[in-house]
């Protein structure tokens, strides 16, 4: 399926993208993210990262789910659901 512009979800599937070369090329990351009937959105403020190595990334959705990747976005898991719309996400790192 060709990529479309605008705000509609593409094929109602979720993906994040990452670049290892300063943005010259991008790789889609889908492992652990919903791939069917996915119609949520993510606000910029509802994304966060931690300072660990490898870096962890987190995002919340307007449908009340929070997803986490502890491996720099290579794979994801849903860590919370049925919450109110996520307007922001903060990361607290206990050491």
N, C-alpha and C. Protein backbone atom coordinates (compact mmCIF):
# COMPACT_ATOMS: atom_id res chain seq x y z
N UNK A 1 0.83 -1.17 0.00
CA UNK A 1 0.00 0.00 0.00
C UNK A 1 0.88 1.24 0.00
N UNK A 2 0.60 2.16 -0.85
CA UNK A 2 1.38 3.40 -0.91
C UNK A 2 1.08 4.27 0.30
N UNK A 3 2.07 4.99 0.74
CA UNK A 3 1.87 5.92 1.87
C UNK A 3 1.02 7.09 1.40
N UNK A 4 0.18 7.55 2.30
CA UNK A 4 -0.69 8.68 2.01
C UNK A 4 -0.31 9.83 2.92
N UNK A 5 -0.60 11.03 2.50
CA UNK A 5 -0.36 12.18 3.36
C UNK A 5 -1.63 12.50 4.14
N UNK A 6 -1.49 13.29 5.18
CA UNK A 6 -2.64 13.66 5.98
C UNK A 6 -2.58 13.02 7.35
N UNK A 7 -3.70 13.03 8.03
CA UNK A 7 -3.74 12.54 9.40
C UNK A 7 -4.43 11.19 9.54
N UNK A 8 -4.83 10.58 8.45
CA UNK A 8 -5.47 9.27 8.54
C UNK A 8 -4.46 8.19 8.84
N UNK A 9 -4.82 7.20 9.67
CA UNK A 9 -3.88 6.09 9.88
C UNK A 9 -3.75 5.28 8.59
N UNK A 10 -2.56 4.83 8.30
CA UNK A 10 -2.31 4.05 7.10
C UNK A 10 -2.65 2.59 7.38
N UNK A 11 -3.61 2.07 6.69
CA UNK A 11 -4.02 0.67 6.84
C UNK A 11 -4.41 0.36 8.28
N UNK A 12 -4.75 1.38 9.07
CA UNK A 12 -5.17 1.22 10.47
C UNK A 12 -4.17 0.41 11.27
N UNK A 13 -2.88 0.60 11.01
CA UNK A 13 -1.81 -0.09 11.73
C UNK A 13 -0.89 0.94 12.38
N UNK A 14 -0.18 0.51 13.42
CA UNK A 14 0.71 1.41 14.15
C UNK A 14 2.16 1.12 13.80
N UNK A 15 2.94 2.18 13.68
CA UNK A 15 4.38 2.01 13.53
C UNK A 15 5.10 3.22 14.09
N UNK A 16 6.31 3.01 14.52
CA UNK A 16 7.21 4.10 14.83
C UNK A 16 8.33 4.00 13.81
N UNK A 17 9.10 5.05 13.67
CA UNK A 17 10.22 5.02 12.73
C UNK A 17 11.48 5.50 13.44
N UNK A 18 12.61 5.00 12.98
CA UNK A 18 13.89 5.42 13.55
C UNK A 18 14.92 5.56 12.45
N UNK A 19 15.93 6.37 12.74
CA UNK A 19 17.01 6.58 11.79
C UNK A 19 18.34 6.41 12.51
N UNK A 20 19.26 5.71 11.89
CA UNK A 20 20.59 5.51 12.46
C UNK A 20 21.64 6.34 11.71
N UNK A 21 21.18 7.15 10.74
CA UNK A 21 22.13 7.93 9.94
C UNK A 21 21.75 9.41 9.87
N UNK A 22 21.23 9.93 10.96
CA UNK A 22 20.91 11.35 11.02
C UNK A 22 19.72 11.77 10.18
N UNK A 23 18.82 10.83 9.86
CA UNK A 23 17.61 11.16 9.13
C UNK A 23 17.68 10.97 7.63
N UNK A 24 18.78 10.43 7.12
CA UNK A 24 18.87 10.19 5.68
C UNK A 24 17.95 9.05 5.26
N UNK A 25 17.87 8.01 6.08
CA UNK A 25 16.96 6.90 5.83
C UNK A 25 16.22 6.58 7.12
N UNK A 26 15.05 5.96 6.97
CA UNK A 26 14.20 5.66 8.12
C UNK A 26 13.75 4.20 8.05
N UNK A 27 13.65 3.56 9.20
CA UNK A 27 13.20 2.17 9.31
C UNK A 27 11.92 2.14 10.13
N UNK A 28 10.91 1.45 9.63
CA UNK A 28 9.66 1.27 10.38
C UNK A 28 9.86 0.22 11.46
N UNK A 29 9.30 0.48 12.62
CA UNK A 29 9.35 -0.45 13.76
C UNK A 29 7.92 -0.76 14.17
N UNK A 30 7.50 -2.02 14.04
CA UNK A 30 6.11 -2.40 14.30
C UNK A 30 5.96 -3.49 15.36
N UNK A 31 7.03 -4.17 15.70
CA UNK A 31 6.93 -5.34 16.58
C UNK A 31 6.29 -4.98 17.92
N UNK A 32 5.17 -5.63 18.24
CA UNK A 32 4.46 -5.42 19.50
C UNK A 32 3.39 -4.33 19.44
N UNK A 33 3.31 -3.61 18.32
CA UNK A 33 2.30 -2.56 18.17
C UNK A 33 1.09 -3.09 17.41
N UNK A 34 -0.11 -2.57 17.68
CA UNK A 34 -1.31 -3.04 16.99
C UNK A 34 -1.19 -2.89 15.47
N UNK A 35 -1.58 -3.92 14.75
CA UNK A 35 -1.48 -3.90 13.29
C UNK A 35 -2.81 -4.00 12.59
N UNK A 36 -3.91 -4.10 13.34
CA UNK A 36 -5.24 -4.15 12.73
C UNK A 36 -6.20 -3.29 13.53
N UNK A 37 -7.12 -2.62 12.84
CA UNK A 37 -8.18 -1.83 13.46
C UNK A 37 -7.64 -0.87 14.51
N UNK A 38 -6.55 -0.22 14.21
CA UNK A 38 -5.92 0.72 15.13
C UNK A 38 -6.20 2.14 14.66
N UNK A 39 -6.96 2.87 15.47
CA UNK A 39 -7.36 4.22 15.07
C UNK A 39 -7.02 5.26 16.13
N UNK A 40 -6.02 5.00 16.98
CA UNK A 40 -5.66 5.98 17.99
C UNK A 40 -4.69 7.01 17.43
N UNK A 41 -4.55 8.10 18.18
CA UNK A 41 -3.57 9.12 17.84
C UNK A 41 -2.66 9.35 19.05
N UNK A 42 -1.52 9.96 18.79
CA UNK A 42 -0.54 10.24 19.83
C UNK A 42 -0.18 11.72 19.75
N UNK A 43 -0.29 12.42 20.87
CA UNK A 43 0.13 13.81 20.92
C UNK A 43 1.64 13.89 21.15
N UNK A 44 2.25 14.94 20.63
CA UNK A 44 3.70 15.12 20.81
C UNK A 44 4.08 15.06 22.29
N UNK A 45 3.27 15.68 23.14
CA UNK A 45 3.56 15.71 24.57
C UNK A 45 3.38 14.36 25.24
N UNK A 46 2.76 13.43 24.55
CA UNK A 46 2.51 12.09 25.11
C UNK A 46 3.58 11.10 24.69
N UNK A 47 4.77 11.62 24.34
CA UNK A 47 5.91 10.77 24.02
C UNK A 47 7.07 11.17 24.92
N UNK A 48 7.84 10.18 25.37
CA UNK A 48 8.98 10.48 26.25
C UNK A 48 10.04 9.40 26.08
N UNK A 49 11.25 9.73 26.52
CA UNK A 49 12.35 8.78 26.51
C UNK A 49 13.08 8.82 27.83
N UNK A 50 13.85 7.77 28.11
CA UNK A 50 14.66 7.75 29.33
C UNK A 50 16.13 7.89 28.98
N UNK A 51 16.99 7.84 29.99
CA UNK A 51 18.42 8.04 29.77
C UNK A 51 19.22 6.76 29.88
N UNK A 52 18.56 5.63 29.84
CA UNK A 52 19.26 4.35 29.97
C UNK A 52 19.94 3.96 28.66
N UNK A 53 20.76 2.94 28.74
CA UNK A 53 21.44 2.41 27.56
C UNK A 53 21.18 0.91 27.50
N UNK A 54 20.38 0.42 26.57
CA UNK A 54 19.75 1.16 25.47
C UNK A 54 18.60 2.03 25.95
N UNK A 55 18.30 3.05 25.19
CA UNK A 55 17.27 4.02 25.55
C UNK A 55 15.89 3.39 25.52
N UNK A 56 15.04 3.82 26.44
CA UNK A 56 13.64 3.42 26.46
C UNK A 56 12.78 4.55 25.92
N UNK A 57 11.73 4.20 25.21
CA UNK A 57 10.78 5.17 24.68
C UNK A 57 9.38 4.77 25.09
N UNK A 58 8.51 5.77 25.27
CA UNK A 58 7.17 5.55 25.78
C UNK A 58 6.21 6.50 25.08
N UNK A 59 4.99 6.04 24.81
CA UNK A 59 3.97 6.95 24.29
C UNK A 59 2.60 6.52 24.76
N UNK A 60 1.75 7.53 24.97
CA UNK A 60 0.37 7.31 25.36
C UNK A 60 -0.55 7.71 24.22
N UNK A 61 -1.75 7.15 24.21
CA UNK A 61 -2.68 7.36 23.11
C UNK A 61 -3.97 8.03 23.58
N UNK A 62 -4.75 8.51 22.61
CA UNK A 62 -6.04 9.10 22.94
C UNK A 62 -7.06 8.03 23.32
N UNK A 63 -6.74 6.77 23.09
CA UNK A 63 -7.66 5.68 23.47
C UNK A 63 -7.31 5.09 24.83
N UNK A 64 -6.33 5.67 25.53
CA UNK A 64 -6.03 5.26 26.89
C UNK A 64 -5.01 4.15 27.05
N UNK A 65 -4.20 3.90 26.04
CA UNK A 65 -3.13 2.91 26.16
C UNK A 65 -1.79 3.62 26.29
N UNK A 66 -0.85 2.94 26.95
CA UNK A 66 0.53 3.41 27.02
C UNK A 66 1.42 2.27 26.53
N UNK A 67 2.31 2.58 25.59
CA UNK A 67 3.23 1.61 25.03
C UNK A 67 4.65 1.96 25.45
N UNK A 68 5.48 0.92 25.63
CA UNK A 68 6.86 1.12 26.05
C UNK A 68 7.79 0.27 25.20
N UNK A 69 8.96 0.81 24.92
CA UNK A 69 10.04 0.06 24.29
C UNK A 69 11.28 0.25 25.14
N UNK A 70 11.85 -0.83 25.62
CA UNK A 70 13.07 -0.76 26.41
C UNK A 70 14.30 -0.97 25.55
N UNK A 71 14.10 -1.11 24.23
CA UNK A 71 15.19 -1.44 23.31
C UNK A 71 15.26 -0.45 22.15
N UNK A 72 15.24 0.84 22.48
CA UNK A 72 15.40 1.89 21.47
C UNK A 72 14.38 1.83 20.35
N UNK A 73 13.18 1.34 20.67
CA UNK A 73 12.10 1.30 19.70
C UNK A 73 12.06 0.07 18.83
N UNK A 74 12.97 -0.88 19.03
CA UNK A 74 12.98 -2.08 18.18
C UNK A 74 11.76 -2.97 18.41
N UNK A 75 11.28 -3.04 19.65
CA UNK A 75 10.06 -3.80 19.96
C UNK A 75 9.29 -3.05 21.04
N UNK A 76 7.99 -3.26 21.06
CA UNK A 76 7.10 -2.51 21.94
C UNK A 76 6.18 -3.46 22.69
N UNK A 77 5.68 -2.96 23.83
CA UNK A 77 4.62 -3.69 24.54
C UNK A 77 3.67 -2.67 25.16
N UNK A 78 2.40 -3.05 25.23
CA UNK A 78 1.41 -2.20 25.87
C UNK A 78 1.54 -2.40 27.37
N UNK A 79 1.80 -1.33 28.12
CA UNK A 79 2.02 -1.46 29.56
C UNK A 79 0.84 -0.96 30.38
N UNK A 80 -0.11 -0.28 29.74
CA UNK A 80 -1.33 0.17 30.42
C UNK A 80 -2.42 0.33 29.37
N UNK A 81 -3.67 0.13 29.80
CA UNK A 81 -4.80 0.34 28.91
C UNK A 81 -6.01 0.79 29.71
N UNK A 82 -7.02 1.24 29.01
CA UNK A 82 -8.27 1.71 29.62
C UNK A 82 -8.06 2.92 30.52
N UNK A 83 -7.06 3.75 30.22
CA UNK A 83 -6.84 4.99 30.93
C UNK A 83 -7.56 6.12 30.19
N UNK A 84 -7.67 7.29 30.81
CA UNK A 84 -8.16 8.45 30.05
C UNK A 84 -7.17 8.80 28.94
N UNK A 85 -7.56 9.67 28.05
CA UNK A 85 -6.67 10.12 26.99
C UNK A 85 -5.34 10.60 27.57
N UNK A 86 -4.25 10.12 27.01
CA UNK A 86 -2.91 10.52 27.47
C UNK A 86 -2.55 11.86 26.84
N UNK A 87 -2.53 12.90 27.65
CA UNK A 87 -2.15 14.23 27.18
C UNK A 87 -0.66 14.46 27.32
N UNK A 88 -0.01 13.72 28.22
CA UNK A 88 1.44 13.81 28.38
C UNK A 88 1.96 12.52 29.01
N UNK A 89 3.24 12.27 28.82
CA UNK A 89 3.92 11.11 29.42
C UNK A 89 5.22 11.62 30.01
N UNK A 90 5.50 11.23 31.23
CA UNK A 90 6.76 11.56 31.90
C UNK A 90 7.43 10.26 32.30
N UNK A 91 8.75 10.24 32.30
CA UNK A 91 9.51 9.06 32.69
C UNK A 91 10.21 9.35 34.01
N UNK A 92 10.01 8.47 34.97
CA UNK A 92 10.71 8.60 36.25
C UNK A 92 11.66 7.41 36.37
N UNK A 93 12.93 7.70 36.50
CA UNK A 93 13.95 6.66 36.55
C UNK A 93 14.48 6.54 37.96
N UNK A 94 14.19 5.42 38.62
CA UNK A 94 14.72 5.19 39.97
C UNK A 94 16.04 4.47 39.86
N UNK A 95 17.00 4.94 40.61
CA UNK A 95 18.32 4.28 40.59
C UNK A 95 18.72 3.87 41.96
